Amino acid sequence: MSRNARNNDTTRPRKSGAAKARRLLEHRRRLAALGVPEAKVKQMDHERIRLLIAKPALIKNYVK
């Protein structure tokens, strides 16, 4: 067995750009469903979007 077959870091499939875009769109829709205004969601970067989805309690602090 070769070394690369055992190393999961090199055998995992890479994320495609289309998959990333789809995921970002889904995250934006989830935030809008949680009550964040669409205009605010469009201004956010992806790190902030992921944080607010992971910790919805922070939404009331961010959106006033």
Protein backbone atom coordinates (compact mmCIF):
# COMPACT_ATOMS: atom_id res chain seq x y z
CA MET A 1 0.00 0.00 0.00
CA SER A 2 1.36 3.40 -0.88
CA ARG A 3 1.88 6.16 1.65
CA ASN A 4 -0.63 8.49 -0.01
CA ALA A 5 -3.46 5.99 0.21
CA ARG A 6 -3.17 6.07 4.00
CA ASN A 7 -2.77 9.83 4.25
CA ASN A 8 -6.30 11.23 4.28
CA ASP A 9 -5.08 14.81 3.83
CA THR A 10 -3.89 14.04 0.31
CA THR A 11 -6.70 11.67 -0.70
CA ARG A 12 -9.68 13.83 0.29
CA PRO A 13 -11.51 15.52 -2.58
CA ARG A 14 -11.06 19.29 -2.80
CA LYS A 15 -14.03 21.62 -2.47
CA SER A 16 -15.06 23.14 -5.76
CA GLY A 17 -15.83 26.81 -6.28
CA ALA A 18 -19.44 25.99 -7.16
CA ALA A 19 -19.88 24.06 -3.92
CA LYS A 20 -18.49 27.00 -1.91
CA ALA A 21 -20.82 29.45 -3.65
CA ARG A 22 -23.80 27.16 -3.04
CA ARG A 23 -22.89 26.83 0.63
CA LEU A 24 -22.50 30.60 1.04
CA LEU A 25 -25.90 31.21 -0.58
CA GLU A 26 -27.49 28.64 1.72
CA HIS A 27 -25.88 30.29 4.77
CA ARG A 28 -27.18 33.70 3.70
CA ARG A 29 -30.69 32.31 3.34
CA ARG A 30 -30.47 30.75 6.80
CA LEU A 31 -29.47 34.07 8.35
CA ALA A 32 -32.35 35.83 6.60
CA ALA A 33 -34.70 33.16 7.99
CA LEU A 34 -33.33 33.88 11.48
CA GLY A 35 -34.42 37.51 11.16
CA VAL A 36 -31.32 39.33 9.92
CA PRO A 37 -32.21 42.00 7.30
CA GLU A 38 -31.18 41.08 3.75
CA ALA A 39 -29.17 44.31 3.37
CA LYS A 40 -27.06 43.46 6.44
CA VAL A 41 -26.49 39.90 5.23
CA LYS A 42 -25.15 41.16 1.90
CA GLN A 43 -22.61 43.37 3.68
CA MET A 44 -21.23 40.54 5.86
CA ASP A 45 -18.15 38.52 5.04
CA HIS A 46 -18.33 34.73 5.13
CA GLU A 47 -16.54 34.40 8.46
CA ARG A 48 -19.17 36.58 10.16
CA ILE A 49 -21.99 34.64 8.47
CA ARG A 50 -20.59 31.32 9.69
CA LEU A 51 -20.16 32.69 13.21
CA LEU A 52 -23.76 33.91 13.40
CA ILE A 53 -25.12 30.62 12.07
CA ALA A 54 -23.05 28.66 14.57
CA LYS A 55 -24.03 30.95 17.47
CA PRO A 56 -27.50 32.40 16.83
CA ALA A 57 -27.50 34.08 20.26
CA LEU A 58 -25.03 36.63 18.83
CA ILE A 59 -27.53 37.80 16.21
CA LYS A 60 -29.37 40.11 18.61
CA ASN A 61 -26.04 41.78 19.51
CA TYR A 62 -25.04 42.26 15.88
CA VAL A 63 -28.42 43.37 14.51
CA LYS A 64 -29.91 46.31 16.38
